[in-house]
Amino acid sequence: LLNVFEEMKHSAVKPDVETYNIILSSFAKQRELYKLTPILDEMKNMGVDPDTVTYNTIISAYGAKGQWQHTLKLLKQMRETGVSPDTITYSAAMSACVRSHQWQNALDVYHLMRKNRCHLDGIAFGVVIYAYRQGGKWHDIIRIWDETLKCNVILNLRGHLHVIQAFSHLNEPEKAIEVFNSLSQRNTVRVTRLAFNQILTVCEKHSR
């Protein structure tokens, strides 16, 4: 891959944004994060403007490693250069924050996402719920859960478990059981032993 890329640069064919995105994706998959920023700098020096895919690739790679400061810096840089973040961008940045227990920073990104009227999918909602879980914001978890129901958005297993835990903390075991039942009735989310153990804990705690 790199040999072809170097040959391309030394020929009369100038790399474009798609070329660089392919190279960045390769480095990201190989977890060679130290190569990402130099490629981004090279793009700019070559007069190639990064796009949303460019930043998403880099932010997602750093986010997977929990390097939240770097992801937030890139998100800021992205917006300052006129590149519009999308759902993937914001979700990756929030994920980076919650991986490092920086739930308040994650919620700052969430509020920015809301301000810019960016669509939230199941992944984004799930990360927001996780951030509120880290902050012990049980009522906010329920508020987000209600919103997912109105928007017909399906959370992943972890999101459901946090909602069940929130209802339990708020002494609403019946609601927790309702969430579990809705989870078990959906074919899109696999119910694991962890889910059964969590609802059993709720039943034991509230003598159900």
C-alpha atoms as a PDB file:
ATOM      1  CA  LEU A   1       0.000   0.000   0.000  1.00  0.00           C
ATOM      2  CA  LEU A   2       2.654   2.522   1.036  1.00  0.00           C
ATOM      3  CA  ASN A   3       4.873   1.601  -1.906  1.00  0.00           C
ATOM      4  CA  VAL A   4       2.049   2.331  -4.312  1.00  0.00           C
ATOM      5  CA  PHE A   5       1.283   5.555  -2.455  1.00  0.00           C
ATOM      6  CA  GLU A   6       4.905   6.720  -2.672  1.00  0.00           C
ATOM      7  CA  GLU A   7       5.033   5.797  -6.359  1.00  0.00           C
ATOM      8  CA  MET A   8       1.884   7.820  -6.906  1.00  0.00           C
ATOM      9  CA  LYS A   9       3.360  10.880  -5.207  1.00  0.00           C
ATOM     10  CA  HIS A  10       6.494  10.699  -7.355  1.00  0.00           C
ATOM     11  CA  SER A  11       4.508  10.360 -10.569  1.00  0.00           C
ATOM     12  CA  ALA A  12       2.425  12.970 -12.349  1.00  0.00           C
ATOM     13  CA  VAL A  13      -0.697  11.811 -10.476  1.00  0.00           C
ATOM     14  CA  LYS A  14      -1.514  13.985  -7.480  1.00  0.00           C
ATOM     15  CA  PRO A  15      -3.186  12.264  -4.508  1.00  0.00           C
ATOM     16  CA  ASP A  16      -6.654  13.592  -3.681  1.00  0.00           C
ATOM     17  CA  VAL A  17      -8.727  13.474  -0.504  1.00  0.00           C
ATOM     18  CA  GLU A  18      -9.970   9.960  -1.299  1.00  0.00           C
ATOM     19  CA  THR A  19      -6.371   8.768  -1.672  1.00  0.00           C
ATOM     20  CA  TYR A  20      -5.412  10.140   1.718  1.00  0.00           C
ATOM     21  CA  ASN A  21      -8.553   8.755   3.328  1.00  0.00           C
ATOM     22  CA  ILE A  22      -7.583   5.277   2.125  1.00  0.00           C
ATOM     23  CA  ILE A  23      -4.104   5.665   3.635  1.00  0.00           C
ATOM     24  CA  LEU A  24      -5.532   6.986   6.911  1.00  0.00           C
ATOM     25  CA  SER A  25      -8.000   4.116   7.086  1.00  0.00           C
ATOM     26  CA  SER A  26      -5.151   1.646   6.639  1.00  0.00           C
ATOM     27  CA  PHE A  27      -3.102   3.203   9.435  1.00  0.00           C
ATOM     28  CA  ALA A  28      -6.166   3.335  11.688  1.00  0.00           C
ATOM     29  CA  LYS A  29      -6.941  -0.349  11.130  1.00  0.00           C
ATOM     30  CA  GLN A  30      -3.322  -1.224  11.940  1.00  0.00           C
ATOM     31  CA  ARG A  31      -3.549   1.010  15.040  1.00  0.00           C
ATOM     32  CA  GLU A  32      -0.574   3.032  13.902  1.00  0.00           C
ATOM     33  CA  LEU A  33      -1.975   6.202  15.417  1.00  0.00           C
ATOM     34  CA  TYR A  34       1.338   8.049  15.383  1.00  0.00           C
ATOM     35  CA  LYS A  35       1.136   8.151  11.581  1.00  0.00           C
ATOM     36  CA  LEU A  36      -2.292   9.788  11.397  1.00  0.00           C
ATOM     37  CA  THR A  37      -1.474  13.400  12.288  1.00  0.00           C
ATOM     38  CA  PRO A  38       1.565  13.562   9.950  1.00  0.00           C
ATOM     39  CA  ILE A  39      -0.655  12.383   7.076  1.00  0.00           C
ATOM     40  CA  LEU A  40      -3.212  15.042   7.973  1.00  0.00           C
ATOM     41  CA  ASP A  41      -0.458  17.666   7.960  1.00  0.00           C
ATOM     42  CA  GLU A  42       0.826  16.347   4.634  1.00  0.00           C
ATOM     43  CA  MET A  43      -2.629  16.696   3.134  1.00  0.00           C
ATOM     44  CA  LYS A  44      -2.768  20.349   4.078  1.00  0.00           C
ATOM     45  CA  ASN A  45       0.761  20.979   2.768  1.00  0.00           C
ATOM     46  CA  MET A  46      -0.231  19.355  -0.522  1.00  0.00           C
ATOM     47  CA  GLY A  47      -3.258  21.601  -0.815  1.00  0.00           C
ATOM     48  CA  VAL A  48      -5.710  18.757  -0.248  1.00  0.00           C
ATOM     49  CA  ASP A  49      -8.589  19.738   2.012  1.00  0.00           C
ATOM     50  CA  PRO A  50      -9.565  17.099   4.597  1.00  0.00           C
ATOM     51  CA  ASP A  51     -13.244  16.163   4.582  1.00  0.00           C
ATOM     52  CA  THR A  52     -15.613  14.662   7.135  1.00  0.00           C
ATOM     53  CA  VAL A  53     -14.402  11.130   6.354  1.00  0.00           C
ATOM     54  CA  THR A  54     -10.810  12.226   6.975  1.00  0.00           C
ATOM     55  CA  TYR A  55     -11.572  13.554  10.428  1.00  0.00           C
ATOM     56  CA  ASN A  56     -13.934  10.707  11.291  1.00  0.00           C
ATOM     57  CA  THR A  57     -11.212   8.177  10.552  1.00  0.00           C
ATOM     58  CA  ILE A  58      -8.690   9.931  12.772  1.00  0.00           C
ATOM     59  CA  ILE A  59     -11.115  10.819  15.570  1.00  0.00           C
ATOM     60  CA  SER A  60     -12.512   7.272  15.653  1.00  0.00           C
ATOM     61  CA  ALA A  61      -9.007   5.809  15.830  1.00  0.00           C
ATOM     62  CA  TYR A  62      -7.976   8.039  18.721  1.00  0.00           C
ATOM     63  CA  GLY A  63     -11.375   7.595  20.340  1.00  0.00           C
ATOM     64  CA  ALA A  64     -11.023   3.813  20.360  1.00  0.00           C
ATOM     65  CA  LYS A  65      -7.897   4.308  22.467  1.00  0.00           C
ATOM     66  CA  GLY A  66      -9.631   6.737  24.817  1.00  0.00           C
ATOM     67  CA  GLN A  67      -7.411   9.651  23.824  1.00  0.00           C
ATOM     68  CA  TRP A  68     -10.172  12.133  24.517  1.00  0.00           C
ATOM     69  CA  GLN A  69      -8.019  15.294  24.549  1.00  0.00           C
ATOM     70  CA  HIS A  70      -6.805  14.563  21.047  1.00  0.00           C
ATOM     71  CA  THR A  71     -10.299  13.814  19.759  1.00  0.00           C
ATOM     72  CA  LEU A  72     -11.695  17.055  21.176  1.00  0.00           C
ATOM     73  CA  LYS A  73      -8.793  18.993  19.692  1.00  0.00           C
ATOM     74  CA  LEU A  74      -9.483  17.446  16.286  1.00  0.00           C
ATOM     75  CA  LEU A  75     -13.206  18.129  16.601  1.00  0.00           C
ATOM     76  CA  LYS A  76     -12.466  21.789  17.313  1.00  0.00           C
ATOM     77  CA  GLN A  77      -9.985  21.947  14.431  1.00  0.00           C
ATOM     78  CA  MET A  78     -12.517  20.332  12.150  1.00  0.00           C
ATOM     79  CA  ARG A  79     -15.195  22.907  12.920  1.00  0.00           C
ATOM     80  CA  GLU A  80     -12.766  25.836  12.673  1.00  0.00           C
ATOM     81  CA  THR A  81     -11.741  24.773   9.170  1.00  0.00           C
ATOM     82  CA  GLY A  82     -15.353  24.581   8.002  1.00  0.00           C
ATOM     83  CA  VAL A  83     -15.675  20.798   7.866  1.00  0.00           C
ATOM     84  CA  SER A  84     -19.061  19.709   9.231  1.00  0.00           C
ATOM     85  CA  PRO A  85     -19.025  16.980  11.890  1.00  0.00           C
ATOM     86  CA  ASP A  86     -21.667  14.268  11.519  1.00  0.00           C
ATOM     87  CA  THR A  87     -23.185  11.636  13.787  1.00  0.00           C
ATOM     88  CA  ILE A  88     -20.078   9.441  13.525  1.00  0.00           C
ATOM     89  CA  THR A  89     -17.802  12.334  14.471  1.00  0.00           C
ATOM     90  CA  TYR A  90     -19.719  13.311  17.573  1.00  0.00           C
ATOM     91  CA  SER A  91     -20.285   9.696  18.664  1.00  0.00           C
ATOM     92  CA  ALA A  92     -16.573   8.902  18.370  1.00  0.00           C
ATOM     93  CA  ALA A  93     -15.618  12.007  20.345  1.00  0.00           C
ATOM     94  CA  MET A  94     -18.153  11.214  23.083  1.00  0.00           C
ATOM     95  CA  SER A  95     -16.981   7.596  23.203  1.00  0.00           C
ATOM     96  CA  ALA A  96     -13.392   8.735  23.677  1.00  0.00           C
ATOM     97  CA  CYS A  97     -14.477  10.819  26.663  1.00  0.00           C
ATOM     98  CA  VAL A  98     -16.515   8.127  28.410  1.00  0.00           C
ATOM     99  CA  ARG A  99     -13.721   5.600  27.888  1.00  0.00           C
ATOM    100  CA  SER A 100     -11.617   7.858  30.120  1.00  0.00           C
ATOM    101  CA  HIS A 101     -14.524   8.623  32.492  1.00  0.00           C
ATOM    102  CA  GLN A 102     -14.692  12.192  31.226  1.00  0.00           C
ATOM    103  CA  TRP A 103     -18.484  12.142  31.218  1.00  0.00           C
ATOM    104  CA  GLN A 104     -18.875  15.912  31.537  1.00  0.00           C
ATOM    105  CA  ASN A 105     -16.761  16.446  28.418  1.00  0.00           C
ATOM    106  CA  ALA A 106     -18.828  13.819  26.648  1.00  0.00           C
ATOM    107  CA  LEU A 107     -21.990  15.705  27.529  1.00  0.00           C
ATOM    108  CA  ASP A 108     -20.435  18.951  26.288  1.00  0.00           C
ATOM    109  CA  VAL A 109     -19.997  17.231  22.922  1.00  0.00           C
ATOM    110  CA  TYR A 110     -23.588  15.988  23.119  1.00  0.00           C
ATOM    111  CA  HIS A 111     -24.904  19.496  23.718  1.00  0.00           C
ATOM    112  CA  LEU A 112     -22.820  20.765  20.808  1.00  0.00           C
ATOM    113  CA  MET A 113     -24.310  18.007  18.694  1.00  0.00           C
ATOM    114  CA  ARG A 114     -27.800  19.136  19.705  1.00  0.00           C
ATOM    115  CA  LYS A 115     -26.972  22.764  19.034  1.00  0.00           C
ATOM    116  CA  ASN A 116     -25.888  21.891  15.505  1.00  0.00           C
ATOM    117  CA  ARG A 117     -29.044  19.831  14.964  1.00  0.00           C
ATOM    118  CA  CYS A 118     -27.115  16.671  14.182  1.00  0.00           C
ATOM    119  CA  HIS A 119     -29.076  13.421  13.996  1.00  0.00           C
ATOM    120  CA  LEU A 120     -28.621  10.998  16.905  1.00  0.00           C
ATOM    121  CA  ASP A 121     -28.716   7.275  16.167  1.00  0.00           C
ATOM    122  CA  GLY A 122     -28.737   4.320  18.540  1.00  0.00           C
ATOM    123  CA  ILE A 123     -24.983   4.474  19.036  1.00  0.00           C
ATOM    124  CA  ALA A 124     -25.001   8.192  19.863  1.00  0.00           C
ATOM    125  CA  PHE A 125     -27.922   7.856  22.276  1.00  0.00           C
ATOM    126  CA  GLY A 126     -26.186   4.900  23.910  1.00  0.00           C
ATOM    127  CA  VAL A 127     -23.008   6.874  24.531  1.00  0.00           C
ATOM    128  CA  VAL A 128     -25.014   9.768  25.989  1.00  0.00           C
ATOM    129  CA  ILE A 129     -26.775   7.371  28.360  1.00  0.00           C
ATOM    130  CA  TYR A 130     -23.397   5.922  29.355  1.00  0.00           C
ATOM    131  CA  ALA A 131     -22.104   9.429  30.111  1.00  0.00           C
ATOM    132  CA  TYR A 132     -25.111  10.147  32.314  1.00  0.00           C
ATOM    133  CA  ARG A 133     -24.563   6.749  33.985  1.00  0.00           C
ATOM    134  CA  GLN A 134     -20.990   7.720  34.874  1.00  0.00           C
ATOM    135  CA  GLY A 135     -22.298  10.948  36.367  1.00  0.00           C
ATOM    136  CA  GLY A 136     -25.069   9.188  38.287  1.00  0.00           C
ATOM    137  CA  LYS A 137     -27.679  11.248  36.434  1.00  0.00           C
ATOM    138  CA  TRP A 138     -30.476   8.715  36.626  1.00  0.00           C
ATOM    139  CA  HIS A 139     -33.338  11.046  35.683  1.00  0.00           C
ATOM    140  CA  ASP A 140     -31.441  12.167  32.595  1.00  0.00           C
ATOM    141  CA  ILE A 141     -31.001   8.550  31.543  1.00  0.00           C
ATOM    142  CA  ILE A 142     -34.771   8.073  31.688  1.00  0.00           C
ATOM    143  CA  ARG A 143     -35.288  11.292  29.742  1.00  0.00           C
ATOM    144  CA  ILE A 144     -33.001  10.058  26.973  1.00  0.00           C
ATOM    145  CA  TRP A 145     -34.676   6.638  27.059  1.00  0.00           C
ATOM    146  CA  ASP A 146     -38.073   8.266  26.521  1.00  0.00           C
ATOM    147  CA  GLU A 147     -36.643  10.188  23.597  1.00  0.00           C
ATOM    148  CA  THR A 148     -35.352   7.020  21.946  1.00  0.00           C
ATOM    149  CA  LEU A 149     -38.823   5.532  22.217  1.00  0.00           C
ATOM    150  CA  LYS A 150     -40.396   8.580  20.592  1.00  0.00           C
ATOM    151  CA  CYS A 151     -37.799   8.528  17.810  1.00  0.00           C
ATOM    152  CA  ASN A 152     -38.103   4.747  17.393  1.00  0.00           C
ATOM    153  CA  VAL A 153     -34.351   4.394  17.937  1.00  0.00           C
ATOM    154  CA  ILE A 154     -33.086   1.027  19.176  1.00  0.00           C
ATOM    155  CA  LEU A 155     -30.309   1.072  21.774  1.00  0.00           C
ATOM    156  CA  ASN A 156     -27.660  -1.597  22.082  1.00  0.00           C
ATOM    157  CA  LEU A 157     -27.541  -4.017  25.015  1.00  0.00           C
ATOM    158  CA  ARG A 158     -25.382  -1.765  27.193  1.00  0.00           C
ATOM    159  CA  GLY A 159     -27.811   1.115  26.733  1.00  0.00           C
ATOM    160  CA  HIS A 160     -30.723  -1.058  27.855  1.00  0.00           C
ATOM    161  CA  LEU A 161     -28.798  -2.234  30.909  1.00  0.00           C
ATOM    162  CA  HIS A 162     -28.076   1.337  31.969  1.00  0.00           C
ATOM    163  CA  VAL A 163     -31.768   2.198  31.623  1.00  0.00           C
ATOM    164  CA  ILE A 164     -32.725  -0.830  33.722  1.00  0.00           C
ATOM    165  CA  GLN A 165     -30.215   0.250  36.352  1.00  0.00           C
ATOM    166  CA  ALA A 166     -31.592   3.802  36.307  1.00  0.00           C
ATOM    167  CA  PHE A 167     -35.164   2.649  36.911  1.00  0.00           C
ATOM    168  CA  SER A 168     -33.924   0.447  39.743  1.00  0.00           C
ATOM    169  CA  HIS A 169     -32.097   3.356  41.390  1.00  0.00           C
ATOM    170  CA  LEU A 170     -35.257   5.452  41.089  1.00  0.00           C
ATOM    171  CA  ASN A 171     -37.249   2.693  42.807  1.00  0.00           C
ATOM    172  CA  GLU A 172     -39.287   1.878  39.722  1.00  0.00           C
ATOM    173  CA  PRO A 173     -38.652  -1.853  39.352  1.00  0.00           C
ATOM    174  CA  GLU A 174     -41.765  -2.372  37.218  1.00  0.00           C
ATOM    175  CA  LYS A 175     -40.355   0.008  34.618  1.00  0.00           C
ATOM    176  CA  ALA A 176     -37.025  -1.822  34.764  1.00  0.00           C
ATOM    177  CA  ILE A 177     -38.817  -5.104  34.079  1.00  0.00           C
ATOM    178  CA  GLU A 178     -40.690  -3.475  31.175  1.00  0.00           C
ATOM    179  CA  VAL A 179     -37.375  -2.442  29.615  1.00  0.00           C
ATOM    180  CA  PHE A 180     -36.008  -5.963  30.009  1.00  0.00           C
ATOM    181  CA  ASN A 181     -39.139  -7.473  28.469  1.00  0.00           C
ATOM    182  CA  SER A 182     -38.930  -5.103  25.512  1.00  0.00           C
ATOM    183  CA  LEU A 183     -35.291  -6.086  25.107  1.00  0.00           C
ATOM    184  CA  SER A 184     -36.034  -9.811  25.132  1.00  0.00           C
ATOM    185  CA  GLN A 185     -38.802  -9.337  22.551  1.00  0.00           C
ATOM    186  CA  ARG A 186     -36.503  -7.649  20.028  1.00  0.00           C
ATOM    187  CA  ASN A 187     -34.577  -9.763  17.577  1.00  0.00           C
ATOM    188  CA  THR A 188     -32.103  -6.936  16.921  1.00  0.00           C
ATOM    189  CA  VAL A 189     -30.500  -7.051  20.382  1.00  0.00           C
ATOM    190  CA  ARG A 190     -29.195 -10.317  21.816  1.00  0.00           C
ATOM    191  CA  VAL A 191     -30.113 -10.897  25.463  1.00  0.00           C
ATOM    192  CA  THR A 192     -27.058 -12.153  27.346  1.00  0.00           C
ATOM    193  CA  ARG A 193     -26.442 -13.669  30.749  1.00  0.00           C
ATOM    194  CA  LEU A 194     -25.445 -10.191  31.914  1.00  0.00           C
ATOM    195  CA  ALA A 195     -28.917  -8.876  31.092  1.00  0.00           C
ATOM    196  CA  PHE A 196     -30.644 -11.713  32.930  1.00  0.00           C
ATOM    197  CA  ASN A 197     -28.383 -11.235  35.948  1.00  0.00           C
ATOM    198  CA  GLN A 198     -29.124  -7.523  36.004  1.00  0.00           C
ATOM    199  CA  ILE A 199     -32.890  -7.956  35.984  1.00  0.00           C
ATOM    200  CA  LEU A 200     -32.586 -10.711  38.594  1.00  0.00           C
ATOM    201  CA  THR A 201     -30.653  -8.242  40.762  1.00  0.00           C
ATOM    202  CA  VAL A 202     -33.450  -5.714  40.341  1.00  0.00           C
ATOM    203  CA  CYS A 203     -36.057  -8.292  41.342  1.00  0.00           C
ATOM    204  CA  GLU A 204     -34.014  -9.352  44.369  1.00  0.00           C
ATOM    205  CA  LYS A 205     -33.401  -5.763  45.465  1.00  0.00           C
ATOM    206  CA  HIS A 206     -37.069  -4.816  45.255  1.00  0.00           C
ATOM    207  CA  SER A 207     -38.404  -8.202  46.432  1.00  0.00           C
ATOM    208  CA  ARG A 208     -40.167  -8.940  43.155  1.00  0.00           C
END
